[in-house]
Amino acid sequence: MKLKNKVAIITGAGRGLGRASAIALAEEGASTVILSRTPSELADAASAIESKDGKVLMMRADVSDLDDVNEVVDETVSVFGRIDILMNNASILGPTKPVADVADEDWTETMDINVKGPYQFSRAVIPHMSRQGGGKIINVTSGLAEVVMPPFGAYSISKAALNHMTRIMAEELQSHGISVNGLDPGIMDTDMQRTIRALGPEVLGDALHRQFVSFKEEGHLKSPDEIARLAVFLASEESDSITGEIGSELDYGGYGYGMEG
């Protein structure tokens, strides 16, 4: 088992990549702390983990709320004694309109969840990882961080900020033995993709809407279970030499990921 005796916190673990990654990390021996703003979403993931004799702690938490963040970190250390892995997965699509038309509260919510949340959780776990001699922080990002694709401006900007934060933290924390990397999952068959398709041509325009519909119809959407294997790689000793990278399964392939069949 690649993660035996390790403890992992996974945000946004009620569905999609967060759920799949929590289960995959548990299958490799990690004790998992799974979080969501909607606790009812966590029951299925917890059941799947427990059915394989995994240890799991469910907690309701809003990553943008510092009190929630500190409560999760304190409870994790109280129950499991340590924190080895943080997967900052919680994210929202945010407003789909020109940036100049976004309401202040919608902009703030997007940045609070997609940028401030990972920052707050990372800051909270760093002292524990440092005392242990190291750890792994995995930030789930997006290719839209590097692409100009209206009307996803707020989301894209939040992910671009997360990418740069990943690189800066990686440099700052290297001497503490803490790796910080970005995981770009590509296009997955998740609720976010369904939400985007449901926006219709009225919001996306005909060409962009057709593109997102074709991703589904032509089978281009990946399963979160497939991408969860990359989360395991980034959480394990196999990635010890990697930090400050932002990549997908193909980008990390040169380091050995994807060569196990």
Protein backbone atom coordinates (compact mmCIF):
# COMPACT_ATOMS: atom_id res chain seq x y z
CA MET A 1 0.00 0.00 0.00
CA LYS A 2 1.43 3.33 -1.10
CA LEU A 3 -0.17 5.43 1.66
CA LYS A 4 -0.16 3.15 4.69
CA ASN A 5 -0.24 5.11 7.98
CA LYS A 6 -0.81 8.40 6.12
CA VAL A 7 -3.65 10.83 6.89
CA ALA A 8 -5.35 12.79 4.12
CA ILE A 9 -7.81 15.70 4.14
CA ILE A 10 -9.89 15.98 0.97
CA THR A 11 -12.13 19.01 0.45
CA GLY A 12 -15.19 18.84 -1.76
CA ALA A 13 -15.24 15.07 -1.28
CA GLY A 14 -18.97 14.48 -1.65
CA ARG A 15 -18.92 13.91 -5.39
CA GLY A 16 -16.84 13.91 -8.54
CA LEU A 17 -13.06 13.93 -8.28
CA GLY A 18 -13.09 14.59 -4.54
CA ARG A 19 -15.17 11.50 -3.83
CA ALA A 20 -13.17 9.33 -6.23
CA SER A 21 -9.87 10.55 -4.81
CA ALA A 22 -10.92 9.97 -1.20
CA ILE A 23 -11.81 6.38 -2.04
CA ALA A 24 -8.60 5.86 -4.03
CA LEU A 25 -6.42 7.28 -1.25
CA ALA A 26 -8.18 5.08 1.30
CA GLU A 27 -7.65 2.01 -0.89
CA GLU A 28 -3.93 2.73 -0.70
CA GLY A 29 -4.05 2.76 3.10
CA ALA A 30 -4.63 6.41 4.00
CA SER A 31 -6.96 7.45 6.79
CA THR A 32 -9.23 10.04 5.21
CA VAL A 33 -11.02 13.16 6.41
CA ILE A 34 -13.70 14.03 3.87
CA LEU A 35 -15.37 17.42 3.75
CA SER A 36 -18.32 19.10 2.08
CA ARG A 37 -20.64 22.02 2.64
CA THR A 38 -23.41 19.44 2.12
CA PRO A 39 -22.82 16.59 4.62
CA SER A 40 -25.44 14.34 3.03
CA GLU A 41 -23.17 14.03 -0.01
CA LEU A 42 -20.44 12.44 2.10
CA ALA A 43 -22.34 9.37 3.26
CA ASP A 44 -21.85 7.40 0.05
CA ALA A 45 -18.11 8.08 -0.07
CA ALA A 46 -17.74 7.17 3.61
CA SER A 47 -19.67 3.94 3.08
CA ALA A 48 -17.45 2.99 0.14
CA ILE A 49 -14.33 3.62 2.23
CA GLU A 50 -15.61 1.73 5.28
CA SER A 51 -16.68 -1.23 3.13
CA LYS A 52 -12.99 -1.74 2.37
CA ASP A 53 -11.97 -1.40 6.02
CA GLY A 54 -10.75 2.14 5.54
CA LYS A 55 -10.77 4.77 8.28
CA VAL A 56 -12.81 7.85 7.49
CA LEU A 57 -14.00 10.95 9.30
CA MET A 58 -16.83 13.00 7.77
CA MET A 59 -17.08 16.71 8.53
CA ARG A 60 -19.24 19.54 7.28
CA ALA A 61 -16.99 22.44 6.34
CA ASP A 62 -16.97 25.56 4.21
CA VAL A 63 -13.41 26.07 2.98
CA SER A 64 -13.93 29.83 2.86
CA ASP A 65 -14.74 29.92 6.60
CA LEU A 66 -11.55 30.08 8.68
CA ASP A 67 -13.30 28.74 11.78
CA ASP A 68 -14.41 25.66 9.82
CA VAL A 69 -10.91 25.18 8.45
CA ASN A 70 -9.30 25.33 11.88
CA GLU A 71 -11.92 22.99 13.33
CA VAL A 72 -11.23 20.39 10.65
CA VAL A 73 -7.47 20.56 11.13
CA ASP A 74 -7.75 20.37 14.93
CA GLU A 75 -10.18 17.42 14.76
CA THR A 76 -7.98 15.59 12.25
CA VAL A 77 -4.96 15.85 14.52
CA SER A 78 -7.07 14.90 17.55
CA VAL A 79 -8.46 11.76 15.88
CA PHE A 80 -5.55 10.62 13.72
CA GLY A 81 -2.54 12.35 15.27
CA ARG A 82 -1.08 13.82 12.09
CA ILE A 83 -1.75 15.30 8.63
CA ASP A 84 0.27 14.06 5.65
CA ILE A 85 -1.84 14.98 2.63
CA LEU A 86 -4.11 17.90 1.80
CA MET A 87 -6.12 17.78 -1.40
CA ASN A 88 -7.70 21.18 -2.11
CA ASN A 89 -10.46 20.02 -4.41
CA ALA A 90 -13.51 22.10 -3.40
CA SER A 91 -14.42 24.55 -6.15
CA ILE A 92 -17.36 26.30 -7.79
CA LEU A 93 -17.93 27.37 -11.38
CA GLY A 94 -19.04 30.81 -10.30
CA PRO A 95 -20.81 33.38 -12.49
CA THR A 96 -20.84 32.73 -16.23
CA LYS A 97 -20.90 36.23 -17.67
CA PRO A 98 -18.43 38.94 -18.69
CA VAL A 99 -16.14 39.86 -15.81
CA ALA A 100 -17.33 43.48 -15.87
CA ASP A 101 -20.91 42.29 -15.30
CA VAL A 102 -20.20 40.04 -12.32
CA ALA A 103 -21.85 41.14 -9.08
CA ASP A 104 -19.49 41.82 -6.18
CA GLU A 105 -20.95 39.04 -4.04
CA ASP A 106 -20.60 36.46 -6.83
CA TRP A 107 -17.00 37.48 -7.49
CA THR A 108 -16.20 37.29 -3.78
CA GLU A 109 -17.81 33.86 -3.38
CA THR A 110 -15.83 32.45 -6.31
CA MET A 111 -12.52 33.79 -5.03
CA ASP A 112 -13.30 32.79 -1.45
CA ILE A 113 -13.94 29.15 -2.33
CA ASN A 114 -11.51 28.67 -5.21
CA VAL A 115 -8.54 30.70 -3.91
CA LYS A 116 -8.95 31.67 -0.26
CA GLY A 117 -10.11 28.17 0.67
CA PRO A 118 -6.96 26.40 -0.57
CA TYR A 119 -4.83 29.17 0.96
CA GLN A 120 -6.49 28.87 4.36
CA PHE A 121 -6.32 25.08 4.44
CA SER A 122 -2.71 25.04 3.28
CA ARG A 123 -1.72 27.59 5.89
CA ALA A 124 -3.49 25.58 8.59
CA VAL A 125 -1.78 22.25 7.80
CA ILE A 126 1.73 23.60 7.15
CA PRO A 127 2.80 23.72 10.84
CA HIS A 128 1.75 20.09 11.32
CA MET A 129 3.49 18.90 8.16
CA SER A 130 6.63 20.85 9.05
CA ARG A 131 6.83 19.22 12.48
CA GLN A 132 6.47 15.82 10.86
CA GLY A 133 9.25 16.53 8.40
CA GLY A 134 7.11 16.86 5.29
CA GLY A 135 3.80 16.44 3.53
CA LYS A 136 1.91 16.75 0.27
CA ILE A 137 -0.43 19.53 -0.83
CA ILE A 138 -2.42 18.89 -4.01
CA ASN A 139 -4.34 21.78 -5.55
CA VAL A 140 -6.97 20.83 -8.12
CA THR A 141 -6.72 23.39 -10.88
CA SER A 142 -7.96 23.68 -14.47
CA GLY A 143 -6.74 24.20 -17.99
CA LEU A 144 -8.96 27.28 -18.04
CA ALA A 145 -6.34 28.95 -15.85
CA GLU A 146 -4.28 29.36 -19.02
CA VAL A 147 -7.07 29.81 -21.58
CA VAL A 148 -9.15 32.85 -22.43
CA MET A 149 -12.68 31.43 -22.68
CA PRO A 150 -15.55 33.79 -21.93
CA PRO A 151 -17.96 33.53 -20.14
CA PHE A 152 -15.86 31.62 -17.57
CA GLY A 153 -13.76 34.62 -16.58
CA ALA A 154 -14.22 34.53 -12.81
CA TYR A 155 -13.52 30.79 -12.64
CA SER A 156 -10.50 31.09 -14.94
CA ILE A 157 -9.01 33.94 -12.95
CA SER A 158 -9.48 32.03 -9.68
CA LYS A 159 -7.69 29.00 -11.09
CA ALA A 160 -4.87 31.14 -12.51
CA ALA A 161 -4.38 32.55 -9.02
CA LEU A 162 -4.37 29.02 -7.59
CA ASN A 163 -1.70 27.97 -10.10
CA HIS A 164 0.58 30.82 -9.10
CA MET A 165 -0.03 30.20 -5.40
CA THR A 166 0.94 26.57 -5.98
CA ARG A 167 4.27 27.55 -7.51
CA ILE A 168 5.06 30.14 -4.84
CA MET A 169 4.18 27.83 -1.93
CA ALA A 170 6.21 25.03 -3.49
CA GLU A 171 9.28 27.24 -3.50
CA GLU A 172 8.67 28.51 0.02
CA LEU A 173 7.96 25.09 1.55
CA GLN A 174 10.58 22.97 -0.18
CA SER A 175 12.98 23.31 2.74
CA HIS A 176 10.25 21.97 5.04
CA GLY A 177 9.89 18.79 2.97
CA ILE A 178 6.43 19.82 1.79
CA SER A 179 5.58 19.28 -1.87
CA VAL A 180 2.93 21.47 -3.48
CA ASN A 181 1.62 20.50 -6.90
CA GLY A 182 -1.33 21.26 -9.13
CA LEU A 183 -3.58 18.57 -10.58
CA ASP A 184 -5.33 19.53 -13.79
CA PRO A 185 -7.98 16.84 -14.29
CA GLY A 186 -8.95 17.92 -17.79
CA ILE A 187 -12.58 17.47 -18.76
CA MET A 188 -14.38 14.96 -16.55
CA ASP A 189 -17.88 13.54 -16.47
CA THR A 190 -19.00 15.47 -13.39
CA ASP A 191 -21.78 17.74 -12.16
CA MET A 192 -19.79 20.79 -13.28
CA GLN A 193 -19.82 19.60 -16.88
CA ARG A 194 -23.56 18.94 -16.65
CA THR A 195 -24.04 22.44 -15.25
CA ILE A 196 -22.07 23.94 -18.12
CA ARG A 197 -24.06 22.05 -20.77
CA ALA A 198 -27.30 23.13 -19.11
CA LEU A 199 -26.37 26.80 -19.55
CA GLY A 200 -27.32 26.34 -23.19
CA PRO A 201 -26.43 28.43 -26.24
CA GLU A 202 -28.17 31.45 -24.68
CA VAL A 203 -25.25 31.82 -22.25
CA LEU A 204 -22.42 30.00 -24.00
CA GLY A 205 -23.16 30.87 -27.61
CA ASP A 206 -23.88 28.25 -30.23
CA ALA A 207 -20.28 27.21 -30.98
CA LEU A 208 -19.11 26.85 -27.38
CA HIS A 209 -22.29 25.05 -26.35
CA ARG A 210 -21.88 22.58 -29.20
CA GLN A 211 -18.29 21.99 -28.11
CA PHE A 212 -19.28 21.08 -24.55
CA VAL A 213 -22.15 18.88 -25.75
CA SER A 214 -19.77 17.08 -28.12
CA PHE A 215 -17.39 16.30 -25.26
CA LYS A 216 -20.16 14.18 -23.75
CA GLU A 217 -21.62 12.74 -26.93
CA GLU A 218 -18.23 11.74 -28.37
CA GLY A 219 -16.97 10.16 -25.16
CA HIS A 220 -14.20 12.65 -24.40
CA LEU A 221 -15.14 13.11 -20.74
CA LYS A 222 -12.90 11.20 -18.34
CA SER A 223 -14.07 9.28 -15.33
CA PRO A 224 -13.11 10.84 -11.98
CA ASP A 225 -11.94 7.37 -10.96
CA GLU A 226 -9.28 7.53 -13.66
CA ILE A 227 -8.00 10.92 -12.55
CA ALA A 228 -8.03 9.82 -8.89
CA ARG A 229 -5.03 7.60 -9.68
CA LEU A 230 -3.07 10.79 -10.33
CA ALA A 231 -4.07 12.09 -6.91
CA VAL A 232 -2.65 8.88 -5.39
CA PHE A 233 0.59 9.41 -7.28
CA LEU A 234 0.95 13.01 -6.09
CA ALA A 235 0.16 11.95 -2.51
CA SER A 236 2.68 9.10 -2.48
CA GLU A 237 6.45 8.79 -2.21
CA GLU A 238 6.57 8.24 -5.97
CA SER A 239 6.25 12.00 -6.42
CA ASP A 240 8.79 13.02 -3.77
CA SER A 241 11.04 14.65 -6.37
CA ILE A 242 8.23 16.78 -7.80
CA THR A 243 7.08 20.14 -6.49
CA GLY A 244 5.76 23.32 -8.04
CA GLU A 245 4.35 21.52 -11.07
CA ILE A 246 0.95 22.15 -12.64
CA GLY A 247 -0.09 19.26 -14.79
CA SER A 248 -2.40 16.56 -16.04
CA GLU A 249 -1.88 12.83 -16.30
CA LEU A 250 0.12 13.37 -19.49
CA ASP A 251 2.31 16.08 -17.99
CA TYR A 252 3.17 13.89 -15.01
CA GLY A 253 3.72 10.85 -17.21
CA GLY A 254 7.43 11.60 -17.51
CA TYR A 255 7.76 11.07 -13.77
CA GLY A 256 6.35 7.58 -13.93
CA TYR A 257 2.61 8.14 -13.58
CA GLY A 258 0.58 6.07 -16.00
CA MET A 259 3.29 3.47 -16.50
CA GLU A 260 1.69 0.95 -14.18
CA GLY A 261 -1.10 0.01 -16.52
